[in-house]
Amino acid sequence: RHTRYSLQSRGLGDVYKRQVLAKLSKREYQAAALVAEGLHNREVAQRLDITERTVKAHLSSAYAKTSTQSRLGLARLFSTA
């Protein structure tokens, strides 16, 4: 059985990752990218000049759109294959 993750590990990762990340709004992408760099919600909020609650909303939406469930899952989408 093949999952999307197994397809990533077979060389289709970069294309798949770009397609998934393209689903995000500009702000969702920005918040997710900063999380992928290891920033905490408070740091993301300061960097983007938004509230922590808004960061959480952006991340929740990003998790749903990318079918990820964690910060690590988002970070993997931003990593190069």
PDB file of N, CA and C in Angstrom:
ATOM      1  N   ARG A   1       0.828  -1.180   0.000  1.00  0.00           N
ATOM      2  CA  ARG A   1       0.000   0.000   0.000  1.00  0.00           C
ATOM      3  C   ARG A   1       0.870   1.241   0.000  1.00  0.00           C
ATOM      4  N   HIS A   2       0.513   2.191  -0.832  1.00  0.00           N
ATOM      5  CA  HIS A   2       1.303   3.415  -0.928  1.00  0.00           C
ATOM      6  C   HIS A   2       0.519   4.586  -0.358  1.00  0.00           C
ATOM      7  N   THR A   3       1.175   5.329   0.488  1.00  0.00           N
ATOM      8  CA  THR A   3       0.575   6.553   1.012  1.00  0.00           C
ATOM      9  C   THR A   3       1.231   7.734   0.338  1.00  0.00           C
ATOM     10  N   ARG A   4       0.697   8.896   0.550  1.00  0.00           N
ATOM     11  CA  ARG A   4       1.317  10.091  -0.014  1.00  0.00           C
ATOM     12  C   ARG A   4       2.738  10.241   0.487  1.00  0.00           C
ATOM     13  N   TYR A   5       2.964   9.907   1.754  1.00  0.00           N
ATOM     14  CA  TYR A   5       4.305  10.048   2.304  1.00  0.00           C
ATOM     15  C   TYR A   5       5.271   9.112   1.594  1.00  0.00           C
ATOM     16  N   SER A   6       4.845   7.881   1.284  1.00  0.00           N
ATOM     17  CA  SER A   6       5.742   6.959   0.599  1.00  0.00           C
ATOM     18  C   SER A   6       6.044   7.459  -0.801  1.00  0.00           C
ATOM     19  N   LEU A   7       5.106   8.164  -1.432  1.00  0.00           N
ATOM     20  CA  LEU A   7       5.374   8.752  -2.736  1.00  0.00           C
ATOM     21  C   LEU A   7       6.437   9.836  -2.619  1.00  0.00           C
ATOM     22  N   GLN A   8       6.402  10.588  -1.531  1.00  0.00           N
ATOM     23  CA  GLN A   8       7.409  11.617  -1.333  1.00  0.00           C
ATOM     24  C   GLN A   8       8.791  10.992  -1.282  1.00  0.00           C
ATOM     25  N   SER A   9       8.922   9.896  -0.608  1.00  0.00           N
ATOM     26  CA  SER A   9      10.227   9.285  -0.449  1.00  0.00           C
ATOM     27  C   SER A   9      10.690   8.591  -1.722  1.00  0.00           C
ATOM     28  N   ARG A  10       9.843   8.512  -2.725  1.00  0.00           N
ATOM     29  CA  ARG A  10      10.221   7.882  -3.990  1.00  0.00           C
ATOM     30  C   ARG A  10      10.573   8.900  -5.063  1.00  0.00           C
ATOM     31  N   GLY A  11      10.847  10.126  -4.681  1.00  0.00           N
ATOM     32  CA  GLY A  11      11.283  11.111  -5.645  1.00  0.00           C
ATOM     33  C   GLY A  11      10.205  12.053  -6.132  1.00  0.00           C
ATOM     34  N   LEU A  12       8.971  11.879  -5.722  1.00  0.00           N
ATOM     35  CA  LEU A  12       7.906  12.776  -6.129  1.00  0.00           C
ATOM     36  C   LEU A  12       7.677  13.857  -5.086  1.00  0.00           C
ATOM     37  N   GLY A  13       8.515  13.886  -4.089  1.00  0.00           N
ATOM     38  CA  GLY A  13       8.325  14.773  -2.956  1.00  0.00           C
ATOM     39  C   GLY A  13       8.243  16.242  -3.285  1.00  0.00           C
ATOM     40  N   ASP A  14       9.184  16.747  -4.083  1.00  0.00           N
ATOM     41  CA  ASP A  14       9.203  18.184  -4.342  1.00  0.00           C
ATOM     42  C   ASP A  14       7.946  18.650  -5.059  1.00  0.00           C
ATOM     43  N   VAL A  15       7.516  17.920  -6.051  1.00  0.00           N
ATOM     44  CA  VAL A  15       6.308  18.287  -6.793  1.00  0.00           C
ATOM     45  C   VAL A  15       5.094  18.222  -5.876  1.00  0.00           C
ATOM     46  N   TYR A  16       4.994  17.148  -5.125  1.00  0.00           N
ATOM     47  CA  TYR A  16       3.881  16.979  -4.185  1.00  0.00           C
ATOM     48  C   TYR A  16       3.862  18.110  -3.162  1.00  0.00           C
ATOM     49  N   LYS A  17       5.011  18.409  -2.597  1.00  0.00           N
ATOM     50  CA  LYS A  17       5.103  19.455  -1.584  1.00  0.00           C
ATOM     51  C   LYS A  17       4.673  20.804  -2.147  1.00  0.00           C
ATOM     52  N   ARG A  18       5.129  21.148  -3.352  1.00  0.00           N
ATOM     53  CA  ARG A  18       4.737  22.425  -3.966  1.00  0.00           C
ATOM     54  C   ARG A  18       3.235  22.489  -4.189  1.00  0.00           C
ATOM     55  N   GLN A  19       2.652  21.393  -4.635  1.00  0.00           N
ATOM     56  CA  GLN A  19       1.205  21.362  -4.864  1.00  0.00           C
ATOM     57  C   GLN A  19       0.434  21.562  -3.571  1.00  0.00           C
ATOM     58  N   VAL A  20       0.877  20.923  -2.517  1.00  0.00           N
ATOM     59  CA  VAL A  20       0.201  21.038  -1.220  1.00  0.00           C
ATOM     60  C   VAL A  20       0.358  22.452  -0.667  1.00  0.00           C
ATOM     61  N   LEU A  21       1.561  22.989  -0.717  1.00  0.00           N
ATOM     62  CA  LEU A  21       1.802  24.332  -0.180  1.00  0.00           C
ATOM     63  C   LEU A  21       1.076  25.402  -0.985  1.00  0.00           C
ATOM     64  N   ALA A  22       0.814  25.140  -2.248  1.00  0.00           N
ATOM     65  CA  ALA A  22       0.098  26.100  -3.096  1.00  0.00           C
ATOM     66  C   ALA A  22      -1.345  26.298  -2.639  1.00  0.00           C
ATOM     67  N   LYS A  23      -1.862  25.388  -1.838  1.00  0.00           N
ATOM     68  CA  LYS A  23      -3.226  25.501  -1.320  1.00  0.00           C
ATOM     69  C   LYS A  23      -3.352  26.574  -0.236  1.00  0.00           C
ATOM     70  N   LEU A  24      -2.232  26.977   0.341  1.00  0.00           N
ATOM     71  CA  LEU A  24      -2.252  27.914   1.465  1.00  0.00           C
ATOM     72  C   LEU A  24      -2.391  29.353   0.995  1.00  0.00           C
ATOM     73  N   SER A  25      -3.072  30.148   1.814  1.00  0.00           N
ATOM     74  CA  SER A  25      -3.119  31.588   1.554  1.00  0.00           C
ATOM     75  C   SER A  25      -1.726  32.152   1.836  1.00  0.00           C
ATOM     76  N   LYS A  26      -1.511  33.391   1.439  1.00  0.00           N
ATOM     77  CA  LYS A  26      -0.220  34.033   1.665  1.00  0.00           C
ATOM     78  C   LYS A  26       0.153  34.025   3.148  1.00  0.00           C
ATOM     79  N   ARG A  27      -0.781  34.417   4.006  1.00  0.00           N
ATOM     80  CA  ARG A  27      -0.491  34.489   5.440  1.00  0.00           C
ATOM     81  C   ARG A  27      -0.322  33.107   6.066  1.00  0.00           C
ATOM     82  N   GLU A  28      -1.124  32.145   5.632  1.00  0.00           N
ATOM     83  CA  GLU A  28      -0.957  30.770   6.128  1.00  0.00           C
ATOM     84  C   GLU A  28       0.437  30.262   5.767  1.00  0.00           C
ATOM     85  N   TYR A  29       0.846  30.536   4.534  1.00  0.00           N
ATOM     86  CA  TYR A  29       2.162  30.109   4.069  1.00  0.00           C
ATOM     87  C   TYR A  29       3.261  30.767   4.906  1.00  0.00           C
ATOM     88  N   GLN A  30       3.130  32.068   5.135  1.00  0.00           N
ATOM     89  CA  GLN A  30       4.133  32.784   5.918  1.00  0.00           C
ATOM     90  C   GLN A  30       4.235  32.231   7.332  1.00  0.00           C
ATOM     91  N   ALA A  31       3.098  32.016   7.972  1.00  0.00           N
ATOM     92  CA  ALA A  31       3.097  31.471   9.340  1.00  0.00           C
ATOM     93  C   ALA A  31       3.688  30.073   9.356  1.00  0.00           C
ATOM     94  N   ALA A  32       3.291  29.245   8.408  1.00  0.00           N
ATOM     95  CA  ALA A  32       3.797  27.874   8.350  1.00  0.00           C
ATOM     96  C   ALA A  32       5.300  27.852   8.086  1.00  0.00           C
ATOM     97  N   ALA A  33       5.777  28.732   7.225  1.00  0.00           N
ATOM     98  CA  ALA A  33       7.209  28.790   6.923  1.00  0.00           C
ATOM     99  C   ALA A  33       8.012  29.167   8.158  1.00  0.00           C
ATOM    100  N   LEU A  34       7.502  30.113   8.939  1.00  0.00           N
ATOM    101  CA  LEU A  34       8.200  30.516  10.162  1.00  0.00           C
ATOM    102  C   LEU A  34       8.186  29.394  11.199  1.00  0.00           C
ATOM    103  N   VAL A  35       7.084  28.680  11.286  1.00  0.00           N
ATOM    104  CA  VAL A  35       7.009  27.522  12.183  1.00  0.00           C
ATOM    105  C   VAL A  35       8.015  26.469  11.730  1.00  0.00           C
ATOM    106  N   ALA A  36       8.139  26.288  10.419  1.00  0.00           N
ATOM    107  CA  ALA A  36       9.090  25.318   9.882  1.00  0.00           C
ATOM    108  C   ALA A  36      10.534  25.698  10.230  1.00  0.00           C
ATOM    109  N   GLU A  37      10.771  26.995  10.427  1.00  0.00           N
ATOM    110  CA  GLU A  37      12.102  27.464  10.843  1.00  0.00           C
ATOM    111  C   GLU A  37      12.335  27.253  12.327  1.00  0.00           C
ATOM    112  N   GLY A  38      11.281  26.862  13.054  1.00  0.00           N
ATOM    113  CA  GLY A  38      11.422  26.587  14.475  1.00  0.00           C
ATOM    114  C   GLY A  38      10.907  27.669  15.397  1.00  0.00           C
ATOM    115  N   LEU A  39      10.253  28.684  14.850  1.00  0.00           N
ATOM    116  CA  LEU A  39       9.733  29.758  15.689  1.00  0.00           C
ATOM    117  C   LEU A  39       8.485  29.305  16.437  1.00  0.00           C
ATOM    118  N   HIS A  40       8.303  29.843  17.629  1.00  0.00           N
ATOM    119  CA  HIS A  40       7.105  29.601  18.432  1.00  0.00           C
ATOM    120  C   HIS A  40       6.008  30.560  17.977  1.00  0.00           C
ATOM    121  N   ASN A  41       4.778  30.264  18.356  1.00  0.00           N
ATOM    122  CA  ASN A  41       3.642  31.102  17.935  1.00  0.00           C
ATOM    123  C   ASN A  41       3.844  32.571  18.282  1.00  0.00           C
ATOM    124  N   ARG A  42       4.363  32.839  19.456  1.00  0.00           N
ATOM    125  CA  ARG A  42       4.579  34.231  19.881  1.00  0.00           C
ATOM    126  C   ARG A  42       5.576  34.926  18.948  1.00  0.00           C
ATOM    127  N   GLU A  43       6.623  34.199  18.577  1.00  0.00           N
ATOM    128  CA  GLU A  43       7.633  34.767  17.677  1.00  0.00           C
ATOM    129  C   GLU A  43       7.059  34.990  16.266  1.00  0.00           C
ATOM    130  N   VAL A  44       6.243  34.058  15.816  1.00  0.00           N
ATOM    131  CA  VAL A  44       5.589  34.202  14.512  1.00  0.00           C
ATOM    132  C   VAL A  44       4.681  35.429  14.535  1.00  0.00           C
ATOM    133  N   ALA A  45       3.926  35.567  15.609  1.00  0.00           N
ATOM    134  CA  ALA A  45       3.016  36.711  15.751  1.00  0.00           C
ATOM    135  C   ALA A  45       3.790  38.025  15.692  1.00  0.00           C
ATOM    136  N   GLN A  46       4.901  38.090  16.405  1.00  0.00           N
ATOM    137  CA  GLN A  46       5.708  39.312  16.398  1.00  0.00           C
ATOM    138  C   GLN A  46       6.275  39.582  15.008  1.00  0.00           C
ATOM    139  N   ARG A  47       6.765  38.550  14.367  1.00  0.00           N
ATOM    140  CA  ARG A  47       7.376  38.703  13.041  1.00  0.00           C
ATOM    141  C   ARG A  47       6.355  39.175  12.007  1.00  0.00           C
ATOM    142  N   LEU A  48       5.124  38.650  12.087  1.00  0.00           N
ATOM    143  CA  LEU A  48       4.089  38.995  11.109  1.00  0.00           C
ATOM    144  C   LEU A  48       3.189  40.148  11.560  1.00  0.00           C
ATOM    145  N   ASP A  49       3.443  40.643  12.775  1.00  0.00           N
ATOM    146  CA  ASP A  49       2.657  41.738  13.349  1.00  0.00           C
ATOM    147  C   ASP A  49       1.168  41.387  13.413  1.00  0.00           C
ATOM    148  N   ILE A  50       0.905  40.185  13.960  1.00  0.00           N
ATOM    149  CA  ILE A  50      -0.457  39.703  14.178  1.00  0.00           C
ATOM    150  C   ILE A  50      -0.530  39.129  15.592  1.00  0.00           C
ATOM    151  N   THR A  51      -1.716  38.759  16.034  1.00  0.00           N
ATOM    152  CA  THR A  51      -1.858  38.186  17.369  1.00  0.00           C
ATOM    153  C   THR A  51      -1.536  36.694  17.347  1.00  0.00           C
ATOM    154  N   GLU A  52      -1.235  36.165  18.531  1.00  0.00           N
ATOM    155  CA  GLU A  52      -0.996  34.720  18.637  1.00  0.00           C
ATOM    156  C   GLU A  52      -2.242  33.937  18.243  1.00  0.00           C
ATOM    157  N   ARG A  53      -3.395  34.472  18.573  1.00  0.00           N
ATOM    158  CA  ARG A  53      -4.642  33.797  18.205  1.00  0.00           C
ATOM    159  C   ARG A  53      -4.768  33.684  16.679  1.00  0.00           C
ATOM    160  N   THR A  54      -4.371  34.729  15.975  1.00  0.00           N
ATOM    161  CA  THR A  54      -4.407  34.691  14.513  1.00  0.00           C
ATOM    162  C   THR A  54      -3.402  33.684  13.976  1.00  0.00           C
ATOM    163  N   VAL A  55      -2.243  33.598  14.599  1.00  0.00           N
ATOM    164  CA  VAL A  55      -1.254  32.588  14.202  1.00  0.00           C
ATOM    165  C   VAL A  55      -1.864  31.201  14.342  1.00  0.00           C
ATOM    166  N   LYS A  56      -2.508  30.951  15.474  1.00  0.00           N
ATOM    167  CA  LYS A  56      -3.140  29.645  15.699  1.00  0.00           C
ATOM    168  C   LYS A  56      -4.193  29.350  14.641  1.00  0.00           C
ATOM    169  N   ALA A  57      -4.960  30.370  14.267  1.00  0.00           N
ATOM    170  CA  ALA A  57      -5.987  30.194  13.235  1.00  0.00           C
ATOM    171  C   ALA A  57      -5.344  29.866  11.885  1.00  0.00           C
ATOM    172  N   HIS A  58      -4.279  30.578  11.548  1.00  0.00           N
ATOM    173  CA  HIS A  58      -3.576  30.311  10.291  1.00  0.00           C
ATOM    174  C   HIS A  58      -3.006  28.889  10.283  1.00  0.00           C
ATOM    175  N   LEU A  59      -2.434  28.484  11.398  1.00  0.00           N
ATOM    176  CA  LEU A  59      -1.845  27.144  11.466  1.00  0.00           C
ATOM    177  C   LEU A  59      -2.920  26.062  11.409  1.00  0.00           C
ATOM    178  N   SER A  60      -4.025  26.281  12.083  1.00  0.00           N
ATOM    179  CA  SER A  60      -5.121  25.306  12.024  1.00  0.00           C
ATOM    180  C   SER A  60      -5.607  25.129  10.593  1.00  0.00           C
ATOM    181  N   SER A  61      -5.749  26.234   9.902  1.00  0.00           N
ATOM    182  CA  SER A  61      -6.173  26.178   8.511  1.00  0.00           C
ATOM    183  C   SER A  61      -5.116  25.493   7.647  1.00  0.00           C
ATOM    184  N   ALA A  62      -3.859  25.799   7.903  1.00  0.00           N
ATOM    185  CA  ALA A  62      -2.762  25.176   7.152  1.00  0.00           C
ATOM    186  C   ALA A  62      -2.723  23.668   7.386  1.00  0.00           C
ATOM    187  N   TYR A  63      -2.930  23.236   8.632  1.00  0.00           N
ATOM    188  CA  TYR A  63      -2.960  21.795   8.922  1.00  0.00           C
ATOM    189  C   TYR A  63      -4.075  21.125   8.112  1.00  0.00           C
ATOM    190  N   ALA A  64      -5.235  21.755   8.096  1.00  0.00           N
ATOM    191  CA  ALA A  64      -6.374  21.167   7.375  1.00  0.00           C
ATOM    192  C   ALA A  64      -6.106  21.102   5.876  1.00  0.00           C
ATOM    193  N   LYS A  65      -5.596  22.178   5.317  1.00  0.00           N
ATOM    194  CA  LYS A  65      -5.368  22.232   3.875  1.00  0.00           C
ATOM    195  C   LYS A  65      -4.246  21.310   3.412  1.00  0.00           C
ATOM    196  N   THR A  66      -3.283  21.043   4.297  1.00  0.00           N
ATOM    197  CA  THR A  66      -2.140  20.212   3.915  1.00  0.00           C
ATOM    198  C   THR A  66      -2.247  18.784   4.430  1.00  0.00           C
ATOM    199  N   SER A  67      -3.325  18.495   5.137  1.00  0.00           N
ATOM    200  CA  SER A  67      -3.518  17.166   5.744  1.00  0.00           C
ATOM    201  C   SER A  67      -2.375  16.802   6.684  1.00  0.00           C
ATOM    202  N   THR A  68      -1.862  17.799   7.385  1.00  0.00           N
ATOM    203  CA  THR A  68      -0.860  17.558   8.414  1.00  0.00           C
ATOM    204  C   THR A  68      -1.517  17.756   9.774  1.00  0.00           C
ATOM    205  N   GLN A  69      -0.862  17.277  10.798  1.00  0.00           N
ATOM    206  CA  GLN A  69      -1.454  17.374  12.132  1.00  0.00           C
ATOM    207  C   GLN A  69      -0.528  18.023  13.145  1.00  0.00           C
ATOM    208  N   SER A  70       0.632  18.460  12.673  1.00  0.00           N
ATOM    209  CA  SER A  70       1.589  19.003  13.631  1.00  0.00           C
ATOM    210  C   SER A  70       2.544  19.986  12.966  1.00  0.00           C
ATOM    211  N   ARG A  71       3.277  20.670  13.798  1.00  0.00           N
ATOM    212  CA  ARG A  71       4.302  21.596  13.325  1.00  0.00           C
ATOM    213  C   ARG A  71       5.364  20.826  12.544  1.00  0.00           C
ATOM    214  N   LEU A  72       5.673  19.637  13.005  1.00  0.00           N
ATOM    215  CA  LEU A  72       6.660  18.803  12.311  1.00  0.00           C
ATOM    216  C   LEU A  72       6.168  18.444  10.913  1.00  0.00           C
ATOM    217  N   GLY A  73       4.887  18.118  10.794  1.00  0.00           N
ATOM    218  CA  GLY A  73       4.323  17.806   9.493  1.00  0.00           C
ATOM    219  C   GLY A  73       4.439  18.966   8.528  1.00  0.00           C
ATOM    220  N   LEU A  74       4.168  20.173   9.023  1.00  0.00           N
ATOM    221  CA  LEU A  74       4.341  21.364   8.183  1.00  0.00           C
ATOM    222  C   LEU A  74       5.811  21.551   7.814  1.00  0.00           C
ATOM    223  N   ALA A  75       6.685  21.388   8.781  1.00  0.00           N
ATOM    224  CA  ALA A  75       8.118  21.572   8.530  1.00  0.00           C
ATOM    225  C   ALA A  75       8.611  20.623   7.441  1.00  0.00           C
ATOM    226  N   ARG A  76       8.095  19.411   7.449  1.00  0.00           N
ATOM    227  CA  ARG A  76       8.503  18.437   6.422  1.00  0.00           C
ATOM    228  C   ARG A  76       8.118  18.901   5.024  1.00  0.00           C
ATOM    229  N   LEU A  77       7.006  19.588   4.913  1.00  0.00           N
ATOM    230  CA  LEU A  77       6.589  20.107   3.606  1.00  0.00           C
ATOM    231  C   LEU A  77       7.533  21.186   3.103  1.00  0.00           C
ATOM    232  N   PHE A  78       8.166  21.910   4.016  1.00  0.00           N
ATOM    233  CA  PHE A  78       9.074  22.974   3.631  1.00  0.00           C
ATOM    234  C   PHE A  78      10.507  22.480   3.428  1.00  0.00           C
ATOM    235  N   SER A  79      10.781  21.263   3.838  1.00  0.00           N
ATOM    236  CA  SER A  79      12.137  20.731   3.663  1.00  0.00           C
ATOM    237  C   SER A  79      12.334  20.250   2.238  1.00  0.00           C
ATOM    238  N   THR A  80      13.553  20.277   1.785  1.00  0.00           N
ATOM    239  CA  THR A  80      13.840  19.771   0.444  1.00  0.00           C
ATOM    240  C   THR A  80      13.962  18.268   0.490  1.00  0.00           C
ATOM    241  N   ALA A  81      13.506  17.641  -0.562  1.00  0.00           N
ATOM    242  CA  ALA A  81      13.492  16.172  -0.609  1.00  0.00           C
ATOM    243  C   ALA A  81      14.884  15.614  -0.828  1.00  0.00           C
TER     244      ALA A  81
END
